[in-house]
Every structure is written in C-alpha cells, then in structure tokens.
Amino acid sequence: MKVAIGSDHGGVNIKEEIKQQMEEMGIEFDDVGCECDTSVDYPDYAIPVAEKVAKGEVDRGILVCGTGIGMSIAANKVKGIRCALVHDTFSAKATREHNNSNVLAMGERVIGAGLAREIAKIWLETEYEGGRHERRVSKITEYEA
C-alpha cells in the first residue's frame, strides 16, 4: 500500500504523527506538505493528495487541517474521491467497510495525536466489505460519470 499525506499549517503536527505511524506499519507514503506552522491554504494540499489517489498513483490519502472540514470539502471535489472526515474509531472502520472511502480527513484542533494515530491505523487496516454496500457506492460513481 502507498498513501499520499498532506496537511495545512493547522494539521502539520498530526501529519508527522501519522507518518511515524505508517513507518511503524511498513506503509510507504508520499508527503505533499506542508512543513510549516505559518498560514497556508488547505486546497493547495488537499487537491494534490486527492488527485494522486484518483489517478491511481497511490492507494489512499490522508489529510489533516485544523478541523478536517476544509480538507474534506476540497478533496471531495476531485472526481473519484470518497473522503471521510473522521474523529472516532467506529467511523474510521465503518467508512472503509461500508463506504470504501479512499481519503481520510482529520482535524488536529479536534482530536489529539494518540486518537489520530489509532484512527489512521484502523482506517489503513480495514478492508472494504463490498456486497450490499457496493450498490450504494456504485450510485456515487455513476453520478460522477
């Protein structure tokens, strides 16, 4: 598995935590930035991560900003992206199993590093169930076409 990861200034600390988590899990990643705590624009990082996923350059993407809201909105503008804003472990598992989410968004000002690492681990390890959920996900894909 290869994952693209990005953050704005509001999510750079958790982004670094998640990178460490992926290293521990043996997951390859591509960090698209940012590397600073000065104000930057979240679409400049969300869109490149989402495009990498949509083009098949990576398998999944992870985005972090202050709340995760801006990142998830921007990522979901890219055709083929199903970005889920997640701040709890139940939703991390459910969005992979039921929605086949391919991008995860989190908010550094909403959750701490420990929970973010746990969410990322669950989300990265959980497989899509397909089956009855495929009909619903297919409706999204068909609408995009």
C-alpha atoms as a PDB file:
ATOM      1  CA  MET A   1       0.000   0.000   0.000  1.00  0.00           C
ATOM      2  CA  LYS A   2       1.123   3.544  -0.752  1.00  0.00           C
ATOM      3  CA  VAL A   3      -0.529   6.586   0.835  1.00  0.00           C
ATOM      4  CA  ALA A   4      -0.345  10.283  -0.033  1.00  0.00           C
ATOM      5  CA  ILE A   5      -0.471  12.516   3.026  1.00  0.00           C
ATOM      6  CA  GLY A   6      -0.858  16.257   3.361  1.00  0.00           C
ATOM      7  CA  SER A   7      -1.763  18.976   5.802  1.00  0.00           C
ATOM      8  CA  ASP A   8      -2.036  22.686   6.125  1.00  0.00           C
ATOM      9  CA  HIS A   9      -0.444  24.641   8.977  1.00  0.00           C
ATOM     10  CA  GLY A  10      -3.229  23.569  11.344  1.00  0.00           C
ATOM     11  CA  GLY A  11      -2.529  19.864  10.895  1.00  0.00           C
ATOM     12  CA  VAL A  12       1.213  19.576  10.482  1.00  0.00           C
ATOM     13  CA  ASN A  13       1.835  18.033  13.931  1.00  0.00           C
ATOM     14  CA  ILE A  14      -0.666  15.204  13.494  1.00  0.00           C
ATOM     15  CA  LYS A  15       0.569  14.686   9.939  1.00  0.00           C
ATOM     16  CA  GLU A  16       4.018  13.950  11.379  1.00  0.00           C
ATOM     17  CA  GLU A  17       2.475  11.546  13.919  1.00  0.00           C
ATOM     18  CA  ILE A  18       0.620   9.696  11.148  1.00  0.00           C
ATOM     19  CA  LYS A  19       3.799   9.479   9.055  1.00  0.00           C
ATOM     20  CA  GLN A  20       5.543   7.854  12.016  1.00  0.00           C
ATOM     21  CA  GLN A  21       2.550   5.502  12.405  1.00  0.00           C
ATOM     22  CA  MET A  22       2.809   4.465   8.747  1.00  0.00           C
ATOM     23  CA  GLU A  23       6.558   3.875   9.064  1.00  0.00           C
ATOM     24  CA  GLU A  24       5.879   1.574  12.025  1.00  0.00           C
ATOM     25  CA  MET A  25       3.255  -0.252   9.943  1.00  0.00           C
ATOM     26  CA  GLY A  26       5.599  -0.594   6.968  1.00  0.00           C
ATOM     27  CA  ILE A  27       3.399   1.560   4.736  1.00  0.00           C
ATOM     28  CA  GLU A  28       5.051   3.628   2.015  1.00  0.00           C
ATOM     29  CA  PHE A  29       3.893   7.254   1.825  1.00  0.00           C
ATOM     30  CA  ASP A  30       4.294  10.418  -0.223  1.00  0.00           C
ATOM     31  CA  ASP A  31       4.236  13.617   1.846  1.00  0.00           C
ATOM     32  CA  VAL A  32       2.916  16.509  -0.277  1.00  0.00           C
ATOM     33  CA  GLY A  33       3.390  19.084   2.526  1.00  0.00           C
ATOM     34  CA  CYS A  34       3.101  21.428   4.249  1.00  0.00           C
ATOM     35  CA  GLU A  35       6.102  21.604   6.523  1.00  0.00           C
ATOM     36  CA  CYS A  36       5.341  24.858   8.355  1.00  0.00           C
ATOM     37  CA  ASP A  37       3.146  26.390  11.030  1.00  0.00           C
ATOM     38  CA  THR A  38       2.594  29.635   9.129  1.00  0.00           C
ATOM     39  CA  SER A  39      -0.737  30.113   7.393  1.00  0.00           C
ATOM     40  CA  VAL A  40      -1.187  28.278   4.085  1.00  0.00           C
ATOM     41  CA  ASP A  41      -4.267  27.362   2.037  1.00  0.00           C
ATOM     42  CA  TYR A  42      -5.672  23.863   2.592  1.00  0.00           C
ATOM     43  CA  PRO A  43      -6.794  23.296  -1.044  1.00  0.00           C
ATOM     44  CA  ASP A  44      -3.123  23.545  -2.090  1.00  0.00           C
ATOM     45  CA  TYR A  45      -2.544  20.266  -0.224  1.00  0.00           C
ATOM     46  CA  ALA A  46      -5.940  18.536  -0.303  1.00  0.00           C
ATOM     47  CA  ILE A  47      -6.316  18.629  -4.075  1.00  0.00           C
ATOM     48  CA  PRO A  48      -2.856  17.179  -4.909  1.00  0.00           C
ATOM     49  CA  VAL A  49      -3.398  14.326  -2.423  1.00  0.00           C
ATOM     50  CA  ALA A  50      -6.854  13.616  -3.852  1.00  0.00           C
ATOM     51  CA  GLU A  51      -5.558  13.758  -7.423  1.00  0.00           C
ATOM     52  CA  LYS A  52      -2.828  11.228  -6.624  1.00  0.00           C
ATOM     53  CA  VAL A  53      -5.498   8.856  -5.293  1.00  0.00           C
ATOM     54  CA  ALA A  54      -7.865   9.477  -8.222  1.00  0.00           C
ATOM     55  CA  LYS A  55      -5.084   8.868 -10.781  1.00  0.00           C
ATOM     56  CA  GLY A  56      -4.034   5.651  -9.055  1.00  0.00           C
ATOM     57  CA  GLU A  57      -0.560   6.955  -8.183  1.00  0.00           C
ATOM     58  CA  VAL A  58      -1.273   5.953  -4.566  1.00  0.00           C
ATOM     59  CA  ASP A  59      -3.844   3.657  -2.988  1.00  0.00           C
ATOM     60  CA  ARG A  60      -5.246   6.075  -0.399  1.00  0.00           C
ATOM     61  CA  GLY A  61      -4.806   9.557   1.011  1.00  0.00           C
ATOM     62  CA  ILE A  62      -4.754  11.150   4.455  1.00  0.00           C
ATOM     63  CA  LEU A  63      -5.376  14.851   5.090  1.00  0.00           C
ATOM     64  CA  VAL A  64      -5.138  16.920   8.268  1.00  0.00           C
ATOM     65  CA  CYS A  65      -6.073  20.534   8.926  1.00  0.00           C
ATOM     66  CA  GLY A  66      -7.405  22.331  11.981  1.00  0.00           C
ATOM     67  CA  THR A  67     -10.862  20.773  11.807  1.00  0.00           C
ATOM     68  CA  GLY A  68     -10.578  18.431   8.816  1.00  0.00           C
ATOM     69  CA  ILE A  69     -13.594  20.149   7.281  1.00  0.00           C
ATOM     70  CA  GLY A  70     -11.818  22.259   4.665  1.00  0.00           C
ATOM     71  CA  MET A  71      -9.609  19.373   3.600  1.00  0.00           C
ATOM     72  CA  SER A  72     -12.565  17.011   3.198  1.00  0.00           C
ATOM     73  CA  ILE A  73     -14.575  19.538   1.193  1.00  0.00           C
ATOM     74  CA  ALA A  74     -11.661  20.237  -1.153  1.00  0.00           C
ATOM     75  CA  ALA A  75     -10.743  16.566  -1.594  1.00  0.00           C
ATOM     76  CA  ASN A  76     -14.324  15.589  -2.391  1.00  0.00           C
ATOM     77  CA  LYS A  77     -14.321  17.987  -5.364  1.00  0.00           C
ATOM     78  CA  VAL A  78     -11.944  15.601  -7.152  1.00  0.00           C
ATOM     79  CA  LYS A  79     -13.792  13.010  -9.247  1.00  0.00           C
ATOM     80  CA  GLY A  80     -13.463   9.521  -7.796  1.00  0.00           C
ATOM     81  CA  ILE A  81     -12.695  10.624  -4.257  1.00  0.00           C
ATOM     82  CA  ARG A  82     -14.699   9.486  -1.267  1.00  0.00           C
ATOM     83  CA  CYS A  83     -13.114  11.489   1.542  1.00  0.00           C
ATOM     84  CA  ALA A  84     -14.440  10.834   5.032  1.00  0.00           C
ATOM     85  CA  LEU A  85     -13.986  13.282   7.901  1.00  0.00           C
ATOM     86  CA  VAL A  86     -13.400  11.045  10.919  1.00  0.00           C
ATOM     87  CA  HIS A  87     -12.818  11.800  14.599  1.00  0.00           C
ATOM     88  CA  ASP A  88     -13.649   8.421  16.196  1.00  0.00           C
ATOM     89  CA  THR A  89     -12.580   4.815  15.731  1.00  0.00           C
ATOM     90  CA  PHE A  90     -16.053   3.442  14.929  1.00  0.00           C
ATOM     91  CA  SER A  91     -16.420   5.788  11.956  1.00  0.00           C
ATOM     92  CA  ALA A  92     -12.871   5.012  10.783  1.00  0.00           C
ATOM     93  CA  LYS A  93     -13.770   1.355  10.474  1.00  0.00           C
ATOM     94  CA  ALA A  94     -17.280   1.907   9.097  1.00  0.00           C
ATOM     95  CA  THR A  95     -16.216   4.320   6.371  1.00  0.00           C
ATOM     96  CA  ARG A  96     -13.779   1.752   4.988  1.00  0.00           C
ATOM     97  CA  GLU A  97     -16.103  -1.245   5.351  1.00  0.00           C
ATOM     98  CA  HIS A  98     -19.283   0.420   4.091  1.00  0.00           C
ATOM     99  CA  ASN A  99     -18.286   3.457   2.012  1.00  0.00           C
ATOM    100  CA  ASN A 100     -14.934   2.338   0.567  1.00  0.00           C
ATOM    101  CA  SER A 101     -13.500   5.735   1.490  1.00  0.00           C
ATOM    102  CA  ASN A 102     -10.191   6.360  -0.233  1.00  0.00           C
ATOM    103  CA  VAL A 103      -9.199   9.541   1.614  1.00  0.00           C
ATOM    104  CA  LEU A 104      -9.286  10.152   5.362  1.00  0.00           C
ATOM    105  CA  ALA A 105      -9.532  13.667   6.825  1.00  0.00           C
ATOM    106  CA  MET A 106      -8.958  14.602  10.455  1.00  0.00           C
ATOM    107  CA  GLY A 107      -8.759  17.800  12.499  1.00  0.00           C
ATOM    108  CA  GLU A 108      -5.767  18.483  14.727  1.00  0.00           C
ATOM    109  CA  ARG A 109      -7.722  21.024  16.774  1.00  0.00           C
ATOM    110  CA  VAL A 110     -10.478  18.438  17.323  1.00  0.00           C
ATOM    111  CA  ILE A 111      -8.563  15.303  18.338  1.00  0.00           C
ATOM    112  CA  GLY A 112      -5.186  14.545  19.854  1.00  0.00           C
ATOM    113  CA  ALA A 113      -2.255  12.724  18.339  1.00  0.00           C
ATOM    114  CA  GLY A 114      -2.964   9.432  20.114  1.00  0.00           C
ATOM    115  CA  LEU A 115      -6.505   9.173  18.811  1.00  0.00           C
ATOM    116  CA  ALA A 116      -5.405  10.324  15.346  1.00  0.00           C
ATOM    117  CA  ARG A 117      -2.841   7.513  15.210  1.00  0.00           C
ATOM    118  CA  GLU A 118      -5.457   4.976  16.310  1.00  0.00           C
ATOM    119  CA  ILE A 119      -7.950   6.221  13.704  1.00  0.00           C
ATOM    120  CA  ALA A 120      -5.344   6.116  10.946  1.00  0.00           C
ATOM    121  CA  LYS A 121      -4.262   2.589  11.903  1.00  0.00           C
ATOM    122  CA  ILE A 122      -7.833   1.283  11.864  1.00  0.00           C
ATOM    123  CA  TRP A 123      -8.629   3.073   8.603  1.00  0.00           C
ATOM    124  CA  LEU A 124      -5.473   1.777   6.913  1.00  0.00           C
ATOM    125  CA  GLU A 125      -6.010  -1.822   8.081  1.00  0.00           C
ATOM    126  CA  THR A 126      -9.729  -2.083   7.335  1.00  0.00           C
ATOM    127  CA  GLU A 127     -10.874  -3.551   4.020  1.00  0.00           C
ATOM    128  CA  TYR A 128     -13.999  -2.670   2.055  1.00  0.00           C
ATOM    129  CA  GLU A 129     -16.762  -5.250   2.567  1.00  0.00           C
ATOM    130  CA  GLY A 130     -18.435  -4.754  -0.808  1.00  0.00           C
ATOM    131  CA  GLY A 131     -21.579  -6.885  -1.023  1.00  0.00           C
ATOM    132  CA  ARG A 132     -24.699  -4.900  -0.147  1.00  0.00           C
ATOM    133  CA  HIS A 133     -22.590  -1.737   0.146  1.00  0.00           C
ATOM    134  CA  GLU A 134     -21.400  -1.942  -3.465  1.00  0.00           C
ATOM    135  CA  ARG A 135     -24.801  -0.885  -4.818  1.00  0.00           C
ATOM    136  CA  ARG A 136     -24.641   2.330  -2.796  1.00  0.00           C
ATOM    137  CA  VAL A 137     -21.030   3.180  -3.636  1.00  0.00           C
ATOM    138  CA  SER A 138     -21.756   2.441  -7.315  1.00  0.00           C
ATOM    139  CA  LYS A 139     -24.549   5.010  -7.283  1.00  0.00           C
ATOM    140  CA  ILE A 140     -21.996   7.674  -6.319  1.00  0.00           C
ATOM    141  CA  THR A 141     -19.606   6.541  -9.038  1.00  0.00           C
ATOM    142  CA  GLU A 142     -22.394   6.529 -11.641  1.00  0.00           C
ATOM    143  CA  TYR A 143     -23.482  10.026 -10.644  1.00  0.00           C
ATOM    144  CA  GLU A 144     -19.921  11.312 -11.055  1.00  0.00           C
ATOM    145  CA  ALA A 145     -19.742   9.875 -14.578  1.00  0.00           C
END
